[in-house]
Amino acid sequence: MIKTSKAATRKRTGSSKTARRTRASSSRTISARFPNALLAEVASLRPDRTLSATMVEALTEWIRRRRRQYEDEMITQALASIPKAQVREEMELARLAGRSALKAVEKANG
């Protein structure tokens, strides 16, 4: 369960001078409950980072993966509607383009 803190609510509603000054901030404070075992594991995996920074990093990566998964699903659905011969042709073109790009990079790096 994620609850928004009173400070974050004040920021959204502009009910204090501080909130008005920080309204343009690119982040806000929330409160969330996590199992103690999960927090202990997070702390042991990233002892050099704050819990907040670690959670932001984890959520950012999760969102990135979910977006990629969604994009992959959309591509798969689009490919399913294209005739098989056309898909094979486009895959071969992509393979050749990738090979050509690799050769260009290798040539540039000497």
PDB file of N, CA and C in Angstrom:
ATOM      1  N   MET A   1       0.837  -1.172   0.000  1.00  0.00           N
ATOM      2  CA  MET A   1       0.000   0.000   0.000  1.00  0.00           C
ATOM      3  C   MET A   1       0.887   1.243   0.000  1.00  0.00           C
ATOM      4  N   ILE A   2       0.632   2.169  -0.885  1.00  0.00           N
ATOM      5  CA  ILE A   2       1.406   3.401  -0.962  1.00  0.00           C
ATOM      6  C   ILE A   2       0.518   4.547  -0.539  1.00  0.00           C
ATOM      7  N   LYS A   3       1.001   5.309   0.446  1.00  0.00           N
ATOM      8  CA  LYS A   3       0.268   6.477   0.918  1.00  0.00           C
ATOM      9  C   LYS A   3       1.094   7.706   0.617  1.00  0.00           C
ATOM     10  N   THR A   4       0.428   8.770   0.256  1.00  0.00           N
ATOM     11  CA  THR A   4       1.112  10.033   0.043  1.00  0.00           C
ATOM     12  C   THR A   4       1.218  10.743   1.384  1.00  0.00           C
ATOM     13  N   SER A   5       2.390  11.280   1.682  1.00  0.00           N
ATOM     14  CA  SER A   5       2.608  11.958   2.952  1.00  0.00           C
ATOM     15  C   SER A   5       1.873  13.296   2.987  1.00  0.00           C
ATOM     16  N   LYS A   6       1.687  13.826   4.183  1.00  0.00           N
ATOM     17  CA  LYS A   6       1.051  15.135   4.337  1.00  0.00           C
ATOM     18  C   LYS A   6       1.855  16.222   3.642  1.00  0.00           C
ATOM     19  N   ALA A   7       3.188  16.106   3.692  1.00  0.00           N
ATOM     20  CA  ALA A   7       4.035  17.103   3.036  1.00  0.00           C
ATOM     21  C   ALA A   7       3.819  17.085   1.532  1.00  0.00           C
ATOM     22  N   ALA A   8       3.697  15.879   0.972  1.00  0.00           N
ATOM     23  CA  ALA A   8       3.474  15.778  -0.472  1.00  0.00           C
ATOM     24  C   ALA A   8       2.106  16.332  -0.835  1.00  0.00           C
ATOM     25  N   THR A   9       1.109  16.112   0.033  1.00  0.00           N
ATOM     26  CA  THR A   9      -0.222  16.651  -0.211  1.00  0.00           C
ATOM     27  C   THR A   9      -0.173  18.176  -0.193  1.00  0.00           C
ATOM     28  N   ARG A  10       0.570  18.737   0.765  1.00  0.00           N
ATOM     29  CA  ARG A  10       0.706  20.192   0.824  1.00  0.00           C
ATOM     30  C   ARG A  10       1.384  20.720  -0.437  1.00  0.00           C
ATOM     31  N   LYS A  11       2.375  19.959  -0.949  1.00  0.00           N
ATOM     32  CA  LYS A  11       3.052  20.396  -2.165  1.00  0.00           C
ATOM     33  C   LYS A  11       2.074  20.462  -3.330  1.00  0.00           C
ATOM     34  N   ARG A  12       1.204  19.444  -3.433  1.00  0.00           N
ATOM     35  CA  ARG A  12       0.255  19.419  -4.543  1.00  0.00           C
ATOM     36  C   ARG A  12      -0.784  20.514  -4.421  1.00  0.00           C
ATOM     37  N   THR A  13      -1.244  20.786  -3.202  1.00  0.00           N
ATOM     38  CA  THR A  13      -2.317  21.755  -3.022  1.00  0.00           C
ATOM     39  C   THR A  13      -1.792  23.162  -2.821  1.00  0.00           C
ATOM     40  N   GLY A  14      -0.491  23.293  -2.533  1.00  0.00           N
ATOM     41  CA  GLY A  14       0.089  24.619  -2.342  1.00  0.00           C
ATOM     42  C   GLY A  14      -0.379  25.269  -1.059  1.00  0.00           C
ATOM     43  N   SER A  15      -0.535  24.449   0.008  1.00  0.00           N
ATOM     44  CA  SER A  15      -1.088  24.981   1.243  1.00  0.00           C
ATOM     45  C   SER A  15      -0.041  25.559   2.190  1.00  0.00           C
ATOM     46  N   SER A  16       1.192  25.679   1.761  1.00  0.00           N
ATOM     47  CA  SER A  16       2.185  26.321   2.603  1.00  0.00           C
ATOM     48  C   SER A  16       3.172  27.085   1.733  1.00  0.00           C
ATOM     49  N   LYS A  17       3.910  28.008   2.355  1.00  0.00           N
ATOM     50  CA  LYS A  17       4.888  28.787   1.604  1.00  0.00           C
ATOM     51  C   LYS A  17       5.975  27.873   1.036  1.00  0.00           C
ATOM     52  N   THR A  18       6.407  26.910   1.847  1.00  0.00           N
ATOM     53  CA  THR A  18       7.435  25.977   1.390  1.00  0.00           C
ATOM     54  C   THR A  18       6.927  25.193   0.189  1.00  0.00           C
ATOM     55  N   ALA A  19       5.689  24.767   0.252  1.00  0.00           N
ATOM     56  CA  ALA A  19       5.128  23.996  -0.854  1.00  0.00           C
ATOM     57  C   ALA A  19       5.103  24.826  -2.128  1.00  0.00           C
ATOM     58  N   ARG A  20       4.769  26.084  -2.019  1.00  0.00           N
ATOM     59  CA  ARG A  20       4.730  26.934  -3.207  1.00  0.00           C
ATOM     60  C   ARG A  20       6.118  27.086  -3.819  1.00  0.00           C
ATOM     61  N   ARG A  21       7.147  27.152  -2.972  1.00  0.00           N
ATOM     62  CA  ARG A  21       8.504  27.282  -3.472  1.00  0.00           C
ATOM     63  C   ARG A  21       9.003  25.987  -4.113  1.00  0.00           C
ATOM     64  N   THR A  22       8.542  24.846  -3.603  1.00  0.00           N
ATOM     65  CA  THR A  22       9.046  23.567  -4.099  1.00  0.00           C
ATOM     66  C   THR A  22       8.097  22.908  -5.098  1.00  0.00           C
ATOM     67  N   ARG A  23       7.044  23.584  -5.480  1.00  0.00           N
ATOM     68  CA  ARG A  23       6.064  22.990  -6.382  1.00  0.00           C
ATOM     69  C   ARG A  23       6.699  22.547  -7.695  1.00  0.00           C
ATOM     70  N   ALA A  24       7.704  23.259  -8.164  1.00  0.00           N
ATOM     71  CA  ALA A  24       8.356  22.920  -9.425  1.00  0.00           C
ATOM     72  C   ALA A  24       9.341  21.766  -9.271  1.00  0.00           C
ATOM     73  N   SER A  25       9.470  21.213  -8.071  1.00  0.00           N
ATOM     74  CA  SER A  25      10.397  20.111  -7.822  1.00  0.00           C
ATOM     75  C   SER A  25      10.073  18.929  -8.729  1.00  0.00           C
ATOM     76  N   SER A  26      11.097  18.182  -9.100  1.00  0.00           N
ATOM     77  CA  SER A  26      10.905  17.050  -9.992  1.00  0.00           C
ATOM     78  C   SER A  26      10.611  15.756  -9.240  1.00  0.00           C
ATOM     79  N   SER A  27      10.415  15.825  -7.949  1.00  0.00           N
ATOM     80  CA  SER A  27      10.081  14.627  -7.188  1.00  0.00           C
ATOM     81  C   SER A  27       9.148  14.989  -6.045  1.00  0.00           C
ATOM     82  N   ARG A  28       8.569  13.957  -5.445  1.00  0.00           N
ATOM     83  CA  ARG A  28       7.726  14.188  -4.277  1.00  0.00           C
ATOM     84  C   ARG A  28       7.923  13.040  -3.299  1.00  0.00           C
ATOM     85  N   THR A  29       7.539  13.273  -2.082  1.00  0.00           N
ATOM     86  CA  THR A  29       7.712  12.292  -1.021  1.00  0.00           C
ATOM     87  C   THR A  29       6.457  11.444  -0.912  1.00  0.00           C
ATOM     88  N   ILE A  30       6.656  10.121  -0.830  1.00  0.00           N
ATOM     89  CA  ILE A  30       5.550   9.208  -0.585  1.00  0.00           C
ATOM     90  C   ILE A  30       5.952   8.270   0.540  1.00  0.00           C
ATOM     91  N   SER A  31       4.981   7.608   1.084  1.00  0.00           N
ATOM     92  CA  SER A  31       5.241   6.628   2.132  1.00  0.00           C
ATOM     93  C   SER A  31       4.740   5.282   1.638  1.00  0.00           C
ATOM     94  N   ALA A  32       5.540   4.246   1.820  1.00  0.00           N
ATOM     95  CA  ALA A  32       5.150   2.909   1.383  1.00  0.00           C
ATOM     96  C   ALA A  32       5.570   1.901   2.442  1.00  0.00           C
ATOM     97  N   ARG A  33       4.847   0.811   2.517  1.00  0.00           N
ATOM     98  CA  ARG A  33       5.169  -0.254   3.467  1.00  0.00           C
ATOM     99  C   ARG A  33       5.807  -1.410   2.710  1.00  0.00           C
ATOM    100  N   PHE A  34       6.948  -1.887   3.234  1.00  0.00           N
ATOM    101  CA  PHE A  34       7.661  -3.001   2.630  1.00  0.00           C
ATOM    102  C   PHE A  34       7.948  -4.036   3.719  1.00  0.00           C
ATOM    103  N   PRO A  35       7.955  -5.304   3.354  1.00  0.00           N
ATOM    104  CA  PRO A  35       8.307  -6.339   4.334  1.00  0.00           C
ATOM    105  C   PRO A  35       9.742  -6.122   4.823  1.00  0.00           C
ATOM    106  N   ASN A  36       9.956  -6.370   6.117  1.00  0.00           N
ATOM    107  CA  ASN A  36      11.291  -6.188   6.705  1.00  0.00           C
ATOM    108  C   ASN A  36      12.353  -7.022   5.991  1.00  0.00           C
ATOM    109  N   ALA A  37      11.996  -8.248   5.591  1.00  0.00           N
ATOM    110  CA  ALA A  37      12.960  -9.111   4.910  1.00  0.00           C
ATOM    111  C   ALA A  37      13.411  -8.485   3.589  1.00  0.00           C
ATOM    112  N   LEU A  38      12.495  -7.870   2.869  1.00  0.00           N
ATOM    113  CA  LEU A  38      12.845  -7.220   1.608  1.00  0.00           C
ATOM    114  C   LEU A  38      13.769  -6.031   1.852  1.00  0.00           C
ATOM    115  N   LEU A  39      13.474  -5.235   2.846  1.00  0.00           N
ATOM    116  CA  LEU A  39      14.318  -4.083   3.166  1.00  0.00           C
ATOM    117  C   LEU A  39      15.714  -4.513   3.595  1.00  0.00           C
ATOM    118  N   ALA A  40      15.797  -5.603   4.356  1.00  0.00           N
ATOM    119  CA  ALA A  40      17.103  -6.113   4.781  1.00  0.00           C
ATOM    120  C   ALA A  40      17.905  -6.595   3.575  1.00  0.00           C
ATOM    121  N   GLU A  41      17.233  -7.251   2.639  1.00  0.00           N
ATOM    122  CA  GLU A  41      17.921  -7.724   1.435  1.00  0.00           C
ATOM    123  C   GLU A  41      18.409  -6.551   0.593  1.00  0.00           C
ATOM    124  N   VAL A  42      17.578  -5.530   0.446  1.00  0.00           N
ATOM    125  CA  VAL A  42      17.974  -4.334  -0.308  1.00  0.00           C
ATOM    126  C   VAL A  42      19.181  -3.683   0.349  1.00  0.00           C
ATOM    127  N   ALA A  43      19.144  -3.550   1.664  1.00  0.00           N
ATOM    128  CA  ALA A  43      20.251  -2.921   2.389  1.00  0.00           C
ATOM    129  C   ALA A  43      21.541  -3.721   2.237  1.00  0.00           C
ATOM    130  N   SER A  44      21.433  -5.049   2.237  1.00  0.00           N
ATOM    131  CA  SER A  44      22.640  -5.865   2.120  1.00  0.00           C
ATOM    132  C   SER A  44      23.209  -5.860   0.700  1.00  0.00           C
ATOM    133  N   LEU A  45      22.346  -5.692  -0.300  1.00  0.00           N
ATOM    134  CA  LEU A  45      22.814  -5.681  -1.688  1.00  0.00           C
ATOM    135  C   LEU A  45      23.439  -4.352  -2.086  1.00  0.00           C
ATOM    136  N   ARG A  46      22.968  -3.255  -1.517  1.00  0.00           N
ATOM    137  CA  ARG A  46      23.478  -1.920  -1.857  1.00  0.00           C
ATOM    138  C   ARG A  46      23.796  -1.125  -0.587  1.00  0.00           C
ATOM    139  N   PRO A  47      24.765  -1.569   0.214  1.00  0.00           N
ATOM    140  CA  PRO A  47      25.068  -0.859   1.463  1.00  0.00           C
ATOM    141  C   PRO A  47      25.639   0.542   1.242  1.00  0.00           C
ATOM    142  N   ASP A  48      26.139   0.804   0.021  1.00  0.00           N
ATOM    143  CA  ASP A  48      26.744   2.099  -0.277  1.00  0.00           C
ATOM    144  C   ASP A  48      25.717   3.158  -0.661  1.00  0.00           C
ATOM    145  N   ARG A  49      24.450   2.782  -0.826  1.00  0.00           N
ATOM    146  CA  ARG A  49      23.403   3.706  -1.274  1.00  0.00           C
ATOM    147  C   ARG A  49      22.329   3.842  -0.208  1.00  0.00           C
ATOM    148  N   THR A  50      21.628   4.954  -0.243  1.00  0.00           N
ATOM    149  CA  THR A  50      20.493   5.119   0.666  1.00  0.00           C
ATOM    150  C   THR A  50      19.349   4.252   0.173  1.00  0.00           C
ATOM    151  N   LEU A  51      18.444   3.920   1.077  1.00  0.00           N
ATOM    152  CA  LEU A  51      17.281   3.120   0.703  1.00  0.00           C
ATOM    153  C   LEU A  51      16.467   3.854  -0.358  1.00  0.00           C
ATOM    154  N   SER A  52      16.319   5.151  -0.194  1.00  0.00           N
ATOM    155  CA  SER A  52      15.547   5.943  -1.151  1.00  0.00           C
ATOM    156  C   SER A  52      16.161   5.876  -2.543  1.00  0.00           C
ATOM    157  N   ALA A  53      17.465   6.070  -2.636  1.00  0.00           N
ATOM    158  CA  ALA A  53      18.140   6.022  -3.938  1.00  0.00           C
ATOM    159  C   ALA A  53      18.031   4.636  -4.562  1.00  0.00           C
ATOM    160  N   THR A  54      18.149   3.605  -3.744  1.00  0.00           N
ATOM    161  CA  THR A  54      18.047   2.236  -4.240  1.00  0.00           C
ATOM    162  C   THR A  54      16.646   1.954  -4.754  1.00  0.00           C
ATOM    163  N   MET A  55      15.623   2.412  -4.046  1.00  0.00           N
ATOM    164  CA  MET A  55      14.245   2.190  -4.476  1.00  0.00           C
ATOM    165  C   MET A  55      13.949   2.950  -5.763  1.00  0.00           C
ATOM    166  N   VAL A  56      14.444   4.161  -5.896  1.00  0.00           N
ATOM    167  CA  VAL A  56      14.245   4.933  -7.131  1.00  0.00           C
ATOM    168  C   VAL A  56      14.907   4.199  -8.293  1.00  0.00           C
ATOM    169  N   GLU A  57      16.119   3.714  -8.072  1.00  0.00           N
ATOM    170  CA  GLU A  57      16.834   2.977  -9.114  1.00  0.00           C
ATOM    171  C   GLU A  57      16.061   1.713  -9.513  1.00  0.00           C
ATOM    172  N   ALA A  58      15.565   0.985  -8.519  1.00  0.00           N
ATOM    173  CA  ALA A  58      14.831  -0.253  -8.788  1.00  0.00           C
ATOM    174  C   ALA A  58      13.528   0.026  -9.546  1.00  0.00           C
ATOM    175  N   LEU A  59      12.792   1.034  -9.126  1.00  0.00           N
ATOM    176  CA  LEU A  59      11.546   1.370  -9.819  1.00  0.00           C
ATOM    177  C   LEU A  59      11.810   1.845 -11.242  1.00  0.00           C
ATOM    178  N   THR A  60      12.848   2.631 -11.418  1.00  0.00           N
ATOM    179  CA  THR A  60      13.200   3.120 -12.747  1.00  0.00           C
ATOM    180  C   THR A  60      13.525   1.953 -13.670  1.00  0.00           C
ATOM    181  N   GLU A  61      14.307   1.010 -13.176  1.00  0.00           N
ATOM    182  CA  GLU A  61      14.668  -0.161 -13.975  1.00  0.00           C
ATOM    183  C   GLU A  61      13.445  -1.029 -14.262  1.00  0.00           C
ATOM    184  N   TRP A  62      12.565  -1.190 -13.282  1.00  0.00           N
ATOM    185  CA  TRP A  62      11.345  -1.977 -13.472  1.00  0.00           C
ATOM    186  C   TRP A  62      10.483  -1.350 -14.557  1.00  0.00           C
ATOM    187  N   ILE A  63      10.330  -0.031 -14.504  1.00  0.00           N
ATOM    188  CA  ILE A  63       9.531   0.666 -15.521  1.00  0.00           C
ATOM    189  C   ILE A  63      10.172   0.511 -16.891  1.00  0.00           C
ATOM    190  N   ARG A  64      11.492   0.618 -16.971  1.00  0.00           N
ATOM    191  CA  ARG A  64      12.195   0.447 -18.239  1.00  0.00           C
ATOM    192  C   ARG A  64      11.934  -0.951 -18.811  1.00  0.00           C
ATOM    193  N   ARG A  65      12.003  -1.975 -17.956  1.00  0.00           N
ATOM    194  CA  ARG A  65      11.755  -3.350 -18.409  1.00  0.00           C
ATOM    195  C   ARG A  65      10.315  -3.540 -18.863  1.00  0.00           C
ATOM    196  N   ARG A  66       9.384  -2.983 -18.090  1.00  0.00           N
ATOM    197  CA  ARG A  66       7.963  -3.101 -18.453  1.00  0.00           C
ATOM    198  C   ARG A  66       7.694  -2.404 -19.781  1.00  0.00           C
ATOM    199  N   ARG A  67       8.271  -1.240 -20.005  1.00  0.00           N
ATOM    200  CA  ARG A  67       8.098  -0.518 -21.264  1.00  0.00           C
ATOM    201  C   ARG A  67       8.656  -1.351 -22.414  1.00  0.00           C
ATOM    202  N   ARG A  68       9.838  -1.935 -22.205  1.00  0.00           N
ATOM    203  CA  ARG A  68      10.446  -2.773 -23.249  1.00  0.00           C
ATOM    204  C   ARG A  68       9.581  -3.993 -23.530  1.00  0.00           C
ATOM    205  N   GLN A  69       9.029  -4.590 -22.466  1.00  0.00           N
ATOM    206  CA  GLN A  69       8.160  -5.751 -22.634  1.00  0.00           C
ATOM    207  C   GLN A  69       6.915  -5.355 -23.439  1.00  0.00           C
ATOM    208  N   TYR A  70       6.343  -4.214 -23.138  1.00  0.00           N
ATOM    209  CA  TYR A  70       5.166  -3.729 -23.846  1.00  0.00           C
ATOM    210  C   TYR A  70       5.505  -3.492 -25.323  1.00  0.00           C
ATOM    211  N   GLU A  71       6.650  -2.859 -25.574  1.00  0.00           N
ATOM    212  CA  GLU A  71       7.075  -2.609 -26.960  1.00  0.00           C
ATOM    213  C   GLU A  71       7.289  -3.926 -27.701  1.00  0.00           C
ATOM    214  N   ASP A  72       7.901  -4.900 -27.038  1.00  0.00           N
ATOM    215  CA  ASP A  72       8.113  -6.203 -27.661  1.00  0.00           C
ATOM    216  C   ASP A  72       6.789  -6.876 -28.000  1.00  0.00           C
ATOM    217  N   GLU A  73       5.817  -6.761 -27.093  1.00  0.00           N
ATOM    218  CA  GLU A  73       4.486  -7.340 -27.348  1.00  0.00           C
ATOM    219  C   GLU A  73       3.817  -6.650 -28.541  1.00  0.00           C
ATOM    220  N   MET A  74       3.958  -5.339 -28.636  1.00  0.00           N
ATOM    221  CA  MET A  74       3.368  -4.604 -29.753  1.00  0.00           C
ATOM    222  C   MET A  74       4.020  -5.027 -31.076  1.00  0.00           C
ATOM    223  N   ILE A  75       5.330  -5.208 -31.069  1.00  0.00           N
ATOM    224  CA  ILE A  75       6.037  -5.649 -32.273  1.00  0.00           C
ATOM    225  C   ILE A  75       5.581  -7.055 -32.657  1.00  0.00           C
ATOM    226  N   THR A  76       5.460  -7.929 -31.668  1.00  0.00           N
ATOM    227  CA  THR A  76       5.019  -9.298 -31.938  1.00  0.00           C
ATOM    228  C   THR A  76       3.620  -9.302 -32.538  1.00  0.00           C
ATOM    229  N   GLN A  77       2.723  -8.481 -32.001  1.00  0.00           N
ATOM    230  CA  GLN A  77       1.363  -8.404 -32.541  1.00  0.00           C
ATOM    231  C   GLN A  77       1.370  -7.861 -33.968  1.00  0.00           C
ATOM    232  N   ALA A  78       2.212  -6.848 -34.216  1.00  0.00           N
ATOM    233  CA  ALA A  78       2.296  -6.281 -35.558  1.00  0.00           C
ATOM    234  C   ALA A  78       2.839  -7.318 -36.540  1.00  0.00           C
ATOM    235  N   LEU A  79       3.851  -8.064 -36.111  1.00  0.00           N
ATOM    236  CA  LEU A  79       4.422  -9.095 -36.984  1.00  0.00           C
ATOM    237  C   LEU A  79       3.428 -10.218 -37.262  1.00  0.00           C
ATOM    238  N   ALA A  80       2.566 -10.496 -36.291  1.00  0.00           N
ATOM    239  CA  ALA A  80       1.579 -11.564 -36.471  1.00  0.00           C
ATOM    240  C   ALA A  80       0.584 -11.215 -37.576  1.00  0.00           C
ATOM    241  N   SER A  81       0.384  -9.936 -37.833  1.00  0.00           N
ATOM    242  CA  SER A  81      -0.580  -9.523 -38.860  1.00  0.00           C
ATOM    243  C   SER A  81       0.043  -9.395 -40.245  1.00  0.00           C
ATOM    244  N   ILE A  82       1.360  -9.579 -40.349  1.00  0.00           N
ATOM    245  CA  ILE A  82       2.070  -9.457 -41.622  1.00  0.00           C
ATOM    246  C   ILE A  82       2.285 -10.860 -42.199  1.00  0.00           C
ATOM    247  N   PRO A  83       2.171 -11.012 -43.510  1.00  0.00           N
ATOM    248  CA  PRO A  83       2.403 -12.330 -44.117  1.00  0.00           C
ATOM    249  C   PRO A  83       3.809 -12.855 -43.783  1.00  0.00           C
ATOM    250  N   LYS A  84       3.913 -14.176 -43.607  1.00  0.00           N
ATOM    251  CA  LYS A  84       5.167 -14.821 -43.198  1.00  0.00           C
ATOM    252  C   LYS A  84       6.323 -14.502 -44.149  1.00  0.00           C
ATOM    253  N   ALA A  85       6.077 -14.485 -45.436  1.00  0.00           N
ATOM    254  CA  ALA A  85       7.139 -14.209 -46.401  1.00  0.00           C
ATOM    255  C   ALA A  85       7.696 -12.801 -46.196  1.00  0.00           C
ATOM    256  N   GLN A  86       6.830 -11.854 -45.925  1.00  0.00           N
ATOM    257  CA  GLN A  86       7.279 -10.477 -45.695  1.00  0.00           C
ATOM    258  C   GLN A  86       8.087 -10.378 -44.402  1.00  0.00           C
ATOM    259  N   VAL A  87       7.659 -11.110 -43.361  1.00  0.00           N
ATOM    260  CA  VAL A  87       8.392 -11.113 -42.089  1.00  0.00           C
ATOM    261  C   VAL A  87       9.796 -11.673 -42.313  1.00  0.00           C
ATOM    262  N   ARG A  88       9.905 -12.786 -43.050  1.00  0.00           N
ATOM    263  CA  ARG A  88      11.217 -13.388 -43.324  1.00  0.00           C
ATOM    264  C   ARG A  88      12.110 -12.404 -44.086  1.00  0.00           C
ATOM    265  N   GLU A  89      11.528 -11.730 -45.057  1.00  0.00           N
ATOM    266  CA  GLU A  89      12.288 -10.763 -45.847  1.00  0.00           C
ATOM    267  C   GLU A  89      12.791  -9.612 -44.964  1.00  0.00           C
ATOM    268  N   GLU A  90      11.932  -9.103 -44.101  1.00  0.00           N
ATOM    269  CA  GLU A  90      12.324  -7.995 -43.223  1.00  0.00           C
ATOM    270  C   GLU A  90      13.356  -8.438 -42.194  1.00  0.00           C
ATOM    271  N   MET A  91      13.234  -9.654 -41.699  1.00  0.00           N
ATOM    272  CA  MET A  91      14.224 -10.182 -40.753  1.00  0.00           C
ATOM    273  C   MET A  91      15.584 -10.325 -41.436  1.00  0.00           C
ATOM    274  N   GLU A  92      15.590 -10.769 -42.678  1.00  0.00           N
ATOM    275  CA  GLU A  92      16.843 -10.898 -43.415  1.00  0.00           C
ATOM    276  C   GLU A  92      17.463  -9.524 -43.646  1.00  0.00           C
ATOM    277  N   LEU A  93      16.646  -8.533 -43.990  1.00  0.00           N
ATOM    278  CA  LEU A  93      17.153  -7.171 -44.163  1.00  0.00           C
ATOM    279  C   LEU A  93      17.741  -6.635 -42.856  1.00  0.00           C
ATOM    280  N   ALA A  94      17.072  -6.902 -41.746  1.00  0.00           N
ATOM    281  CA  ALA A  94      17.568  -6.452 -40.438  1.00  0.00           C
ATOM    282  C   ALA A  94      18.888  -7.133 -40.108  1.00  0.00           C
ATOM    283  N   ARG A  95      18.993  -8.425 -40.428  1.00  0.00           N
ATOM    284  CA  ARG A  95      20.234  -9.163 -40.177  1.00  0.00           C
ATOM    285  C   ARG A  95      21.376  -8.577 -41.004  1.00  0.00           C
ATOM    286  N   LEU A  96      21.108  -8.304 -42.270  1.00  0.00           N
ATOM    287  CA  LEU A  96      22.132  -7.733 -43.140  1.00  0.00           C
ATOM    288  C   LEU A  96      22.536  -6.330 -42.689  1.00  0.00           C
ATOM    289  N   ALA A  97      21.560  -5.542 -42.256  1.00  0.00           N
ATOM    290  CA  ALA A  97      21.852  -4.190 -41.763  1.00  0.00           C
ATOM    291  C   ALA A  97      22.719  -4.260 -40.508  1.00  0.00           C
ATOM    292  N   GLY A  98      22.405  -5.189 -39.620  1.00  0.00           N
ATOM    293  CA  GLY A  98      23.204  -5.363 -38.413  1.00  0.00           C
ATOM    294  C   GLY A  98      24.620  -5.777 -38.733  1.00  0.00           C
ATOM    295  N   ARG A  99      24.770  -6.688 -39.685  1.00  0.00           N
ATOM    296  CA  ARG A  99      26.099  -7.142 -40.102  1.00  0.00           C
ATOM    297  C   ARG A  99      26.892  -5.982 -40.708  1.00  0.00           C
ATOM    298  N   SER A 100      26.220  -5.176 -41.537  1.00  0.00           N
ATOM    299  CA  SER A 100      26.862  -4.028 -42.169  1.00  0.00           C
ATOM    300  C   SER A 100      27.296  -3.003 -41.117  1.00  0.00           C
ATOM    301  N   ALA A 101      26.442  -2.756 -40.140  1.00  0.00           N
ATOM    302  CA  ALA A 101      26.780  -1.810 -39.071  1.00  0.00           C
ATOM    303  C   ALA A 101      27.982  -2.309 -38.270  1.00  0.00           C
ATOM    304  N   LEU A 102      28.022  -3.610 -37.991  1.00  0.00           N
ATOM    305  CA  LEU A 102      29.141  -4.189 -37.245  1.00  0.00           C
ATOM    306  C   LEU A 102      30.448  -4.028 -38.022  1.00  0.00           C
ATOM    307  N   LYS A 103      30.406  -4.271 -39.335  1.00  0.00           N
ATOM    308  CA  LYS A 103      31.605  -4.098 -40.156  1.00  0.00           C
ATOM    309  C   LYS A 103      32.068  -2.641 -40.152  1.00  0.00           C
ATOM    310  N   ALA A 104      31.117  -1.702 -40.209  1.00  0.00           N
ATOM    311  CA  ALA A 104      31.459  -0.272 -40.197  1.00  0.00           C
ATOM    312  C   ALA A 104      32.121   0.104 -38.883  1.00  0.00           C
ATOM    313  N   VAL A 105      31.622  -0.420 -37.778  1.00  0.00           N
ATOM    314  CA  VAL A 105      32.193  -0.131 -36.459  1.00  0.00           C
ATOM    315  C   VAL A 105      33.595  -0.727 -36.362  1.00  0.00           C
ATOM    316  N   GLU A 106      33.733  -1.962 -36.823  1.00  0.00           N
ATOM    317  CA  GLU A 106      35.050  -2.610 -36.779  1.00  0.00           C
ATOM    318  C   GLU A 106      36.061  -1.858 -37.633  1.00  0.00           C
ATOM    319  N   LYS A 107      35.610  -1.373 -38.793  1.00  0.00           N
ATOM    320  CA  LYS A 107      36.496  -0.615 -39.680  1.00  0.00           C
ATOM    321  C   LYS A 107      36.895   0.712 -39.043  1.00  0.00           C
ATOM    322  N   ALA A 108      35.932   1.379 -38.384  1.00  0.00           N
ATOM    323  CA  ALA A 108      36.194   2.653 -37.735  1.00  0.00           C
ATOM    324  C   ALA A 108      37.169   2.492 -36.563  1.00  0.00           C
ATOM    325  N   ASN A 109      37.070   1.372 -35.861  1.00  0.00           N
ATOM    326  CA  ASN A 109      37.945   1.124 -34.707  1.00  0.00           C
ATOM    327  C   ASN A 109      39.305   0.565 -35.122  1.00  0.00           C
ATOM    328  N   GLY A 110      39.447   0.281 -36.406  1.00  0.00           N
ATOM    329  CA  GLY A 110      40.731  -0.123 -36.961  1.00  0.00           C
ATOM    330  C   GLY A 110      41.108  -1.499 -36.641  1.00  0.00           C
TER     331      GLY A 110
END
